[in-house]
Amino acid sequence: MDENEVIKICKALGDRNRLKIIQILLSGEKCVCVIDEYLKITQPTLSHHMKVLGECKLVNSRRDGKWVYYSINKDTVDRFKGFFGDLVIGDEGCCCGK
């Protein structure tokens, strides 16, 4: 995962509502109407949050009739977690040699 992807995800998760959406989706795929029940925000605001989460590939969406269902994109989450796992500093110190 490159720096730009990480920055985009961090910015997306820096919003309280988007973080709540991710927490809601951790239990599985949800219809947008279910997400709306939890957050109690306007439909345009929810659409904006889902767009941001989709643009950084944190969530997948699928349409079934008039409903849209969202789920966590496990590949992106695994790559994001891997990025932070690689940040562990060993005995040799930081990358600048100090």
PDB file of N, CA and C in Angstrom:
ATOM      1  N   MET A   1       0.862  -1.177   0.000  1.00  0.00           N
ATOM      2  CA  MET A   1       0.000   0.000   0.000  1.00  0.00           C
ATOM      3  C   MET A   1       0.899   1.228   0.000  1.00  0.00           C
ATOM      4  N   ASP A   2       0.638   2.163  -0.904  1.00  0.00           N
ATOM      5  CA  ASP A   2       1.495   3.340  -0.966  1.00  0.00           C
ATOM      6  C   ASP A   2       1.009   4.431  -0.007  1.00  0.00           C
ATOM      7  N   GLU A   3       1.855   5.429   0.175  1.00  0.00           N
ATOM      8  CA  GLU A   3       1.563   6.504   1.135  1.00  0.00           C
ATOM      9  C   GLU A   3       0.253   7.218   0.835  1.00  0.00           C
ATOM     10  N   ASN A   4      -0.018   7.471  -0.431  1.00  0.00           N
ATOM     11  CA  ASN A   4      -1.244   8.199  -0.792  1.00  0.00           C
ATOM     12  C   ASN A   4      -2.495   7.433  -0.391  1.00  0.00           C
ATOM     13  N   GLU A   5      -2.467   6.105  -0.561  1.00  0.00           N
ATOM     14  CA  GLU A   5      -3.606   5.290  -0.145  1.00  0.00           C
ATOM     15  C   GLU A   5      -3.792   5.343   1.367  1.00  0.00           C
ATOM     16  N   VAL A   6      -2.691   5.256   2.092  1.00  0.00           N
ATOM     17  CA  VAL A   6      -2.742   5.300   3.557  1.00  0.00           C
ATOM     18  C   VAL A   6      -3.289   6.648   4.028  1.00  0.00           C
ATOM     19  N   ILE A   7      -2.813   7.730   3.435  1.00  0.00           N
ATOM     20  CA  ILE A   7      -3.270   9.070   3.810  1.00  0.00           C
ATOM     21  C   ILE A   7      -4.769   9.215   3.559  1.00  0.00           C
ATOM     22  N   LYS A   8      -5.230   8.731   2.409  1.00  0.00           N
ATOM     23  CA  LYS A   8      -6.656   8.819   2.067  1.00  0.00           C
ATOM     24  C   LYS A   8      -7.505   8.052   3.083  1.00  0.00           C
ATOM     25  N   ILE A   9      -7.053   6.865   3.471  1.00  0.00           N
ATOM     26  CA  ILE A   9      -7.792   6.063   4.446  1.00  0.00           C
ATOM     27  C   ILE A   9      -7.783   6.738   5.814  1.00  0.00           C
ATOM     28  N   CYS A  10      -6.639   7.247   6.227  1.00  0.00           N
ATOM     29  CA  CYS A  10      -6.559   7.926   7.528  1.00  0.00           C
ATOM     30  C   CYS A  10      -7.479   9.136   7.577  1.00  0.00           C
ATOM     31  N   LYS A  11      -7.533   9.897   6.495  1.00  0.00           N
ATOM     32  CA  LYS A  11      -8.435  11.043   6.445  1.00  0.00           C
ATOM     33  C   LYS A  11      -9.888  10.596   6.516  1.00  0.00           C
ATOM     34  N   ALA A  12     -10.209   9.521   5.815  1.00  0.00           N
ATOM     35  CA  ALA A  12     -11.583   9.006   5.835  1.00  0.00           C
ATOM     36  C   ALA A  12     -11.969   8.561   7.240  1.00  0.00           C
ATOM     37  N   LEU A  13     -11.069   7.891   7.924  1.00  0.00           N
ATOM     38  CA  LEU A  13     -11.359   7.384   9.266  1.00  0.00           C
ATOM     39  C   LEU A  13     -11.287   8.462  10.338  1.00  0.00           C
ATOM     40  N   GLY A  14     -10.804   9.645   9.971  1.00  0.00           N
ATOM     41  CA  GLY A  14     -10.729  10.752  10.918  1.00  0.00           C
ATOM     42  C   GLY A  14     -12.066  11.413  11.197  1.00  0.00           C
ATOM     43  N   ASP A  15     -13.093  11.000  10.483  1.00  0.00           N
ATOM     44  CA  ASP A  15     -14.429  11.535  10.697  1.00  0.00           C
ATOM     45  C   ASP A  15     -15.222  10.571  11.579  1.00  0.00           C
ATOM     46  N   ARG A  16     -15.856  11.092  12.613  1.00  0.00           N
ATOM     47  CA  ARG A  16     -16.592  10.275  13.590  1.00  0.00           C
ATOM     48  C   ARG A  16     -17.677   9.412  12.923  1.00  0.00           C
ATOM     49  N   ASN A  17     -18.444   9.999  12.011  1.00  0.00           N
ATOM     50  CA  ASN A  17     -19.514   9.237  11.361  1.00  0.00           C
ATOM     51  C   ASN A  17     -18.966   8.115  10.484  1.00  0.00           C
ATOM     52  N   ARG A  18     -17.882   8.393   9.756  1.00  0.00           N
ATOM     53  CA  ARG A  18     -17.309   7.349   8.908  1.00  0.00           C
ATOM     54  C   ARG A  18     -16.705   6.237   9.751  1.00  0.00           C
ATOM     55  N   LEU A  19     -16.115   6.586  10.875  1.00  0.00           N
ATOM     56  CA  LEU A  19     -15.587   5.562  11.774  1.00  0.00           C
ATOM     57  C   LEU A  19     -16.728   4.702  12.320  1.00  0.00           C
ATOM     58  N   LYS A  20     -17.855   5.332  12.647  1.00  0.00           N
ATOM     59  CA  LYS A  20     -19.027   4.587  13.115  1.00  0.00           C
ATOM     60  C   LYS A  20     -19.551   3.652  12.024  1.00  0.00           C
ATOM     61  N   ILE A  21     -19.546   4.119  10.786  1.00  0.00           N
ATOM     62  CA  ILE A  21     -20.001   3.280   9.673  1.00  0.00           C
ATOM     63  C   ILE A  21     -19.130   2.037   9.569  1.00  0.00           C
ATOM     64  N   ILE A  22     -17.826   2.204   9.669  1.00  0.00           N
ATOM     65  CA  ILE A  22     -16.917   1.055   9.616  1.00  0.00           C
ATOM     66  C   ILE A  22     -17.226   0.102  10.763  1.00  0.00           C
ATOM     67  N   GLN A  23     -17.443   0.631  11.959  1.00  0.00           N
ATOM     68  CA  GLN A  23     -17.775  -0.217  13.100  1.00  0.00           C
ATOM     69  C   GLN A  23     -19.074  -0.981  12.861  1.00  0.00           C
ATOM     70  N   ILE A  24     -20.063  -0.339  12.271  1.00  0.00           N
ATOM     71  CA  ILE A  24     -21.333  -0.999  11.957  1.00  0.00           C
ATOM     72  C   ILE A  24     -21.100  -2.142  10.965  1.00  0.00           C
ATOM     73  N   LEU A  25     -20.268  -1.905   9.971  1.00  0.00           N
ATOM     74  CA  LEU A  25     -20.045  -2.897   8.923  1.00  0.00           C
ATOM     75  C   LEU A  25     -19.149  -4.054   9.359  1.00  0.00           C
ATOM     76  N   LEU A  26     -18.473  -3.907  10.493  1.00  0.00           N
ATOM     77  CA  LEU A  26     -17.609  -4.999  10.962  1.00  0.00           C
ATOM     78  C   LEU A  26     -18.398  -6.275  11.257  1.00  0.00           C
ATOM     79  N   SER A  27     -19.687  -6.129  11.530  1.00  0.00           N
ATOM     80  CA  SER A  27     -20.499  -7.323  11.823  1.00  0.00           C
ATOM     81  C   SER A  27     -21.086  -7.934  10.551  1.00  0.00           C
ATOM     82  N   GLY A  28     -20.800  -7.351   9.388  1.00  0.00           N
ATOM     83  CA  GLY A  28     -21.272  -7.909   8.131  1.00  0.00           C
ATOM     84  C   GLY A  28     -21.939  -6.879   7.244  1.00  0.00           C
ATOM     85  N   GLU A  29     -22.320  -7.320   6.062  1.00  0.00           N
ATOM     86  CA  GLU A  29     -22.952  -6.454   5.070  1.00  0.00           C
ATOM     87  C   GLU A  29     -24.241  -5.847   5.617  1.00  0.00           C
ATOM     88  N   LYS A  30     -24.444  -4.590   5.307  1.00  0.00           N
ATOM     89  CA  LYS A  30     -25.638  -3.879   5.783  1.00  0.00           C
ATOM     90  C   LYS A  30     -26.242  -3.071   4.640  1.00  0.00           C
ATOM     91  N   CYS A  31     -27.565  -3.000   4.644  1.00  0.00           N
ATOM     92  CA  CYS A  31     -28.290  -2.123   3.739  1.00  0.00           C
ATOM     93  C   CYS A  31     -28.065  -0.683   4.206  1.00  0.00           C
ATOM     94  N   VAL A  32     -28.049   0.230   3.253  1.00  0.00           N
ATOM     95  CA  VAL A  32     -27.858   1.635   3.602  1.00  0.00           C
ATOM     96  C   VAL A  32     -28.927   2.104   4.587  1.00  0.00           C
ATOM     97  N   CYS A  33     -30.127   1.531   4.513  1.00  0.00           N
ATOM     98  CA  CYS A  33     -31.201   1.937   5.429  1.00  0.00           C
ATOM     99  C   CYS A  33     -30.871   1.556   6.877  1.00  0.00           C
ATOM    100  N   VAL A  34     -30.153   0.460   7.068  1.00  0.00           N
ATOM    101  CA  VAL A  34     -29.749   0.041   8.417  1.00  0.00           C
ATOM    102  C   VAL A  34     -28.684   0.990   8.960  1.00  0.00           C
ATOM    103  N   ILE A  35     -27.737   1.345   8.123  1.00  0.00           N
ATOM    104  CA  ILE A  35     -26.684   2.285   8.531  1.00  0.00           C
ATOM    105  C   ILE A  35     -27.314   3.613   8.930  1.00  0.00           C
ATOM    106  N   ASP A  36     -28.293   4.039   8.150  1.00  0.00           N
ATOM    107  CA  ASP A  36     -28.991   5.289   8.427  1.00  0.00           C
ATOM    108  C   ASP A  36     -29.689   5.262   9.783  1.00  0.00           C
ATOM    109  N   GLU A  37     -30.267   4.113  10.150  1.00  0.00           N
ATOM    110  CA  GLU A  37     -30.942   3.987  11.450  1.00  0.00           C
ATOM    111  C   GLU A  37     -29.977   4.207  12.609  1.00  0.00           C
ATOM    112  N   TYR A  38     -28.754   3.736  12.475  1.00  0.00           N
ATOM    113  CA  TYR A  38     -27.756   3.894  13.530  1.00  0.00           C
ATOM    114  C   TYR A  38     -27.299   5.339  13.662  1.00  0.00           C
ATOM    115  N   LEU A  39     -27.064   5.993  12.539  1.00  0.00           N
ATOM    116  CA  LEU A  39     -26.439   7.313  12.567  1.00  0.00           C
ATOM    117  C   LEU A  39     -27.419   8.464  12.700  1.00  0.00           C
ATOM    118  N   LYS A  40     -28.614   8.301  12.182  1.00  0.00           N
ATOM    119  CA  LYS A  40     -29.636   9.351  12.226  1.00  0.00           C
ATOM    120  C   LYS A  40     -29.117  10.664  11.639  1.00  0.00           C
ATOM    121  N   ILE A  41     -28.585  10.568  10.417  1.00  0.00           N
ATOM    122  CA  ILE A  41     -28.123  11.743   9.684  1.00  0.00           C
ATOM    123  C   ILE A  41     -28.922  11.828   8.386  1.00  0.00           C
ATOM    124  N   THR A  42     -28.832  12.954   7.698  1.00  0.00           N
ATOM    125  CA  THR A  42     -29.593  13.107   6.459  1.00  0.00           C
ATOM    126  C   THR A  42     -29.054  12.170   5.380  1.00  0.00           C
ATOM    127  N   GLN A  43     -29.902  11.839   4.434  1.00  0.00           N
ATOM    128  CA  GLN A  43     -29.517  10.937   3.349  1.00  0.00           C
ATOM    129  C   GLN A  43     -28.356  11.504   2.519  1.00  0.00           C
ATOM    130  N   PRO A  44     -28.372  12.807   2.175  1.00  0.00           N
ATOM    131  CA  PRO A  44     -27.228  13.342   1.427  1.00  0.00           C
ATOM    132  C   PRO A  44     -25.913  13.253   2.209  1.00  0.00           C
ATOM    133  N   THR A  45     -25.978  13.473   3.516  1.00  0.00           N
ATOM    134  CA  THR A  45     -24.767  13.374   4.339  1.00  0.00           C
ATOM    135  C   THR A  45     -24.266  11.937   4.372  1.00  0.00           C
ATOM    136  N   LEU A  46     -25.175  10.978   4.542  1.00  0.00           N
ATOM    137  CA  LEU A  46     -24.787   9.571   4.540  1.00  0.00           C
ATOM    138  C   LEU A  46     -24.198   9.183   3.183  1.00  0.00           C
ATOM    139  N   SER A  47     -24.800   9.647   2.109  1.00  0.00           N
ATOM    140  CA  SER A  47     -24.279   9.361   0.767  1.00  0.00           C
ATOM    141  C   SER A  47     -22.860   9.890   0.605  1.00  0.00           C
ATOM    142  N   HIS A  48     -22.621  11.083   1.137  1.00  0.00           N
ATOM    143  CA  HIS A  48     -21.273  11.662   1.068  1.00  0.00           C
ATOM    144  C   HIS A  48     -20.270  10.784   1.813  1.00  0.00           C
ATOM    145  N   HIS A  49     -20.625  10.357   3.022  1.00  0.00           N
ATOM    146  CA  HIS A  49     -19.720   9.512   3.806  1.00  0.00           C
ATOM    147  C   HIS A  49     -19.444   8.187   3.096  1.00  0.00           C
ATOM    148  N   MET A  50     -20.480   7.601   2.501  1.00  0.00           N
ATOM    149  CA  MET A  50     -20.291   6.328   1.803  1.00  0.00           C
ATOM    150  C   MET A  50     -19.421   6.518   0.565  1.00  0.00           C
ATOM    151  N   LYS A  51     -19.559   7.666  -0.094  1.00  0.00           N
ATOM    152  CA  LYS A  51     -18.719   7.960  -1.260  1.00  0.00           C
ATOM    153  C   LYS A  51     -17.253   8.050  -0.850  1.00  0.00           C
ATOM    154  N   VAL A  52     -16.979   8.743   0.244  1.00  0.00           N
ATOM    155  CA  VAL A  52     -15.593   8.882   0.729  1.00  0.00           C
ATOM    156  C   VAL A  52     -15.019   7.509   1.075  1.00  0.00           C
ATOM    157  N   LEU A  53     -15.789   6.687   1.778  1.00  0.00           N
ATOM    158  CA  LEU A  53     -15.320   5.349   2.159  1.00  0.00           C
ATOM    159  C   LEU A  53     -15.122   4.458   0.935  1.00  0.00           C
ATOM    160  N   GLY A  54     -15.958   4.640  -0.073  1.00  0.00           N
ATOM    161  CA  GLY A  54     -15.811   3.872  -1.303  1.00  0.00           C
ATOM    162  C   GLY A  54     -14.609   4.313  -2.123  1.00  0.00           C
ATOM    163  N   GLU A  55     -14.352   5.620  -2.155  1.00  0.00           N
ATOM    164  CA  GLU A  55     -13.221   6.145  -2.927  1.00  0.00           C
ATOM    165  C   GLU A  55     -11.879   5.656  -2.400  1.00  0.00           C
ATOM    166  N   CYS A  56     -11.783   5.444  -1.105  1.00  0.00           N
ATOM    167  CA  CYS A  56     -10.522   4.925  -0.559  1.00  0.00           C
ATOM    168  C   CYS A  56     -10.566   3.402  -0.442  1.00  0.00           C
ATOM    169  N   LYS A  57     -11.596   2.817  -1.010  1.00  0.00           N
ATOM    170  CA  LYS A  57     -11.752   1.365  -1.118  1.00  0.00           C
ATOM    171  C   LYS A  57     -11.876   0.648   0.222  1.00  0.00           C
ATOM    172  N   LEU A  58     -12.362   1.351   1.246  1.00  0.00           N
ATOM    173  CA  LEU A  58     -12.606   0.699   2.538  1.00  0.00           C
ATOM    174  C   LEU A  58     -13.900  -0.100   2.534  1.00  0.00           C
ATOM    175  N   VAL A  59     -14.851   0.307   1.684  1.00  0.00           N
ATOM    176  CA  VAL A  59     -16.121  -0.412   1.615  1.00  0.00           C
ATOM    177  C   VAL A  59     -16.438  -0.805   0.176  1.00  0.00           C
ATOM    178  N   ASN A  60     -17.139  -1.923   0.060  1.00  0.00           N
ATOM    179  CA  ASN A  60     -17.687  -2.376  -1.212  1.00  0.00           C
ATOM    180  C   ASN A  60     -19.168  -2.057  -1.201  1.00  0.00           C
ATOM    181  N   SER A  61     -19.736  -1.864  -2.372  1.00  0.00           N
ATOM    182  CA  SER A  61     -21.179  -1.648  -2.457  1.00  0.00           C
ATOM    183  C   SER A  61     -21.744  -2.540  -3.550  1.00  0.00           C
ATOM    184  N   ARG A  62     -23.009  -2.929  -3.351  1.00  0.00           N
ATOM    185  CA  ARG A  62     -23.736  -3.662  -4.382  1.00  0.00           C
ATOM    186  C   ARG A  62     -25.185  -3.228  -4.324  1.00  0.00           C
ATOM    187  N   ARG A  63     -25.780  -3.161  -5.488  1.00  0.00           N
ATOM    188  CA  ARG A  63     -27.177  -2.739  -5.593  1.00  0.00           C
ATOM    189  C   ARG A  63     -28.050  -3.977  -5.771  1.00  0.00           C
ATOM    190  N   ASP A  64     -29.150  -3.980  -5.032  1.00  0.00           N
ATOM    191  CA  ASP A  64     -30.153  -5.034  -5.170  1.00  0.00           C
ATOM    192  C   ASP A  64     -31.510  -4.340  -5.238  1.00  0.00           C
ATOM    193  N   GLY A  65     -32.011  -4.164  -6.456  1.00  0.00           N
ATOM    194  CA  GLY A  65     -33.236  -3.390  -6.634  1.00  0.00           C
ATOM    195  C   GLY A  65     -32.985  -1.935  -6.300  1.00  0.00           C
ATOM    196  N   LYS A  66     -33.813  -1.392  -5.420  1.00  0.00           N
ATOM    197  CA  LYS A  66     -33.637   0.024  -5.049  1.00  0.00           C
ATOM    198  C   LYS A  66     -32.704   0.201  -3.859  1.00  0.00           C
ATOM    199  N   TRP A  67     -32.231  -0.874  -3.271  1.00  0.00           N
ATOM    200  CA  TRP A  67     -31.374  -0.791  -2.082  1.00  0.00           C
ATOM    201  C   TRP A  67     -29.904  -0.983  -2.428  1.00  0.00           C
ATOM    202  N   VAL A  68     -29.056  -0.300  -1.679  1.00  0.00           N
ATOM    203  CA  VAL A  68     -27.612  -0.470  -1.809  1.00  0.00           C
ATOM    204  C   VAL A  68     -27.112  -1.110  -0.526  1.00  0.00           C
ATOM    205  N   TYR A  69     -26.287  -2.132  -0.684  1.00  0.00           N
ATOM    206  CA  TYR A  69     -25.716  -2.848   0.453  1.00  0.00           C
ATOM    207  C   TYR A  69     -24.214  -2.583   0.495  1.00  0.00           C
ATOM    208  N   TYR A  70     -23.709  -2.361   1.705  1.00  0.00           N
ATOM    209  CA  TYR A  70     -22.289  -2.063   1.891  1.00  0.00           C
ATOM    210  C   TYR A  70     -21.637  -3.119   2.768  1.00  0.00           C
ATOM    211  N   SER A  71     -20.355  -3.358   2.485  1.00  0.00           N
ATOM    212  CA  SER A  71     -19.568  -4.286   3.295  1.00  0.00           C
ATOM    213  C   SER A  71     -18.130  -3.787   3.346  1.00  0.00           C
ATOM    214  N   ILE A  72     -17.401  -4.287   4.319  1.00  0.00           N
ATOM    215  CA  ILE A  72     -15.978  -3.948   4.464  1.00  0.00           C
ATOM    216  C   ILE A  72     -15.195  -4.587   3.315  1.00  0.00           C
ATOM    217  N   ASN A  73     -14.272  -3.843   2.746  1.00  0.00           N
ATOM    218  CA  ASN A  73     -13.364  -4.396   1.745  1.00  0.00           C
ATOM    219  C   ASN A  73     -12.177  -4.993   2.509  1.00  0.00           C
ATOM    220  N   LYS A  74     -12.221  -6.296   2.716  1.00  0.00           N
ATOM    221  CA  LYS A  74     -11.217  -6.964   3.553  1.00  0.00           C
ATOM    222  C   LYS A  74      -9.811  -6.859   2.972  1.00  0.00           C
ATOM    223  N   ASP A  75      -9.693  -6.846   1.665  1.00  0.00           N
ATOM    224  CA  ASP A  75      -8.373  -6.725   1.048  1.00  0.00           C
ATOM    225  C   ASP A  75      -7.717  -5.397   1.426  1.00  0.00           C
ATOM    226  N   THR A  76      -8.469  -4.304   1.317  1.00  0.00           N
ATOM    227  CA  THR A  76      -7.927  -2.992   1.674  1.00  0.00           C
ATOM    228  C   THR A  76      -7.590  -2.926   3.155  1.00  0.00           C
ATOM    229  N   VAL A  77      -8.472  -3.450   4.006  1.00  0.00           N
ATOM    230  CA  VAL A  77      -8.226  -3.429   5.452  1.00  0.00           C
ATOM    231  C   VAL A  77      -6.973  -4.234   5.785  1.00  0.00           C
ATOM    232  N   ASP A  78      -6.805  -5.399   5.163  1.00  0.00           N
ATOM    233  CA  ASP A  78      -5.615  -6.216   5.415  1.00  0.00           C
ATOM    234  C   ASP A  78      -4.344  -5.504   4.970  1.00  0.00           C
ATOM    235  N   ARG A  79      -4.396  -4.842   3.816  1.00  0.00           N
ATOM    236  CA  ARG A  79      -3.228  -4.109   3.340  1.00  0.00           C
ATOM    237  C   ARG A  79      -2.917  -2.915   4.245  1.00  0.00           C
ATOM    238  N   PHE A  80      -3.975  -2.250   4.730  1.00  0.00           N
ATOM    239  CA  PHE A  80      -3.811  -1.116   5.644  1.00  0.00           C
ATOM    240  C   PHE A  80      -3.184  -1.576   6.952  1.00  0.00           C
ATOM    241  N   LYS A  81      -3.678  -2.679   7.489  1.00  0.00           N
ATOM    242  CA  LYS A  81      -3.093  -3.238   8.718  1.00  0.00           C
ATOM    243  C   LYS A  81      -1.643  -3.644   8.491  1.00  0.00           C
ATOM    244  N   GLY A  82      -1.351  -4.198   7.332  1.00  0.00           N
ATOM    245  CA  GLY A  82       0.018  -4.596   7.008  1.00  0.00           C
ATOM    246  C   GLY A  82       0.962  -3.412   6.962  1.00  0.00           C
ATOM    247  N   PHE A  83       0.475  -2.290   6.466  1.00  0.00           N
ATOM    248  CA  PHE A  83       1.290  -1.078   6.422  1.00  0.00           C
ATOM    249  C   PHE A  83       1.735  -0.698   7.820  1.00  0.00           C
ATOM    250  N   PHE A  84       0.800  -0.719   8.772  1.00  0.00           N
ATOM    251  CA  PHE A  84       1.144  -0.344  10.140  1.00  0.00           C
ATOM    252  C   PHE A  84       1.989  -1.403  10.826  1.00  0.00           C
ATOM    253  N   GLY A  85       1.820  -2.652  10.452  1.00  0.00           N
ATOM    254  CA  GLY A  85       2.665  -3.712  10.993  1.00  0.00           C
ATOM    255  C   GLY A  85       4.110  -3.527  10.581  1.00  0.00           C
ATOM    256  N   ASP A  86       4.323  -2.962   9.395  1.00  0.00           N
ATOM    257  CA  ASP A  86       5.677  -2.717   8.892  1.00  0.00           C
ATOM    258  C   ASP A  86       6.343  -1.514   9.552  1.00  0.00           C
ATOM    259  N   LEU A  87       5.584  -0.738  10.339  1.00  0.00           N
ATOM    260  CA  LEU A  87       6.139   0.459  10.970  1.00  0.00           C
ATOM    261  C   LEU A  87       6.861   0.186  12.283  1.00  0.00           C
ATOM    262  N   VAL A  88       6.873  -1.062  12.719  1.00  0.00           N
ATOM    263  CA  VAL A  88       7.524  -1.400  13.989  1.00  0.00           C
ATOM    264  C   VAL A  88       9.011  -1.108  13.871  1.00  0.00           C
ATOM    265  N   ILE A  89       9.526  -0.372  14.825  1.00  0.00           N
ATOM    266  CA  ILE A  89      10.945  -0.007  14.834  1.00  0.00           C
ATOM    267  C   ILE A  89      11.706  -1.030  15.649  1.00  0.00           C
ATOM    268  N   GLY A  90      12.710  -1.602  15.037  1.00  0.00           N
ATOM    269  CA  GLY A  90      13.529  -2.611  15.695  1.00  0.00           C
ATOM    270  C   GLY A  90      14.671  -2.000  16.494  1.00  0.00           C
ATOM    271  N   ASP A  91      15.627  -2.818  16.873  1.00  0.00           N
ATOM    272  CA  ASP A  91      16.772  -2.376  17.665  1.00  0.00           C
ATOM    273  C   ASP A  91      17.659  -1.392  16.917  1.00  0.00           C
ATOM    274  N   GLU A  92      17.592  -1.435  15.597  1.00  0.00           N
ATOM    275  CA  GLU A  92      18.464  -0.568  14.811  1.00  0.00           C
ATOM    276  C   GLU A  92      17.991   0.876  14.797  1.00  0.00           C
ATOM    277  N   GLY A  93      16.865   1.183  15.414  1.00  0.00           N
ATOM    278  CA  GLY A  93      16.370   2.554  15.492  1.00  0.00           C
ATOM    279  C   GLY A  93      15.578   2.941  14.273  1.00  0.00           C
ATOM    280  N   CYS A  94      15.526   4.217  14.020  1.00  0.00           N
ATOM    281  CA  CYS A  94      14.704   4.703  12.901  1.00  0.00           C
ATOM    282  C   CYS A  94      15.453   4.591  11.571  1.00  0.00           C
ATOM    283  N   CYS A  95      14.739   4.880  10.502  1.00  0.00           N
ATOM    284  CA  CYS A  95      15.299   4.745   9.167  1.00  0.00           C
ATOM    285  C   CYS A  95      16.413   5.731   8.884  1.00  0.00           C
ATOM    286  N   CYS A  96      16.533   6.794   9.674  1.00  0.00           N
ATOM    287  CA  CYS A  96      17.583   7.789   9.429  1.00  0.00           C
ATOM    288  C   CYS A  96      18.897   7.409  10.101  1.00  0.00           C
ATOM    289  N   GLY A  97      18.925   6.259  10.771  1.00  0.00           N
ATOM    290  CA  GLY A  97      20.161   5.768  11.372  1.00  0.00           C
ATOM    291  C   GLY A  97      20.416   6.249  12.784  1.00  0.00           C
ATOM    292  N   LYS A  98      19.469   6.914  13.433  1.00  0.00           N
ATOM    293  CA  LYS A  98      19.670   7.429  14.785  1.00  0.00           C
ATOM    294  C   LYS A  98      18.984   6.553  15.795  1.00  0.00           C
TER     295      LYS A  98
END
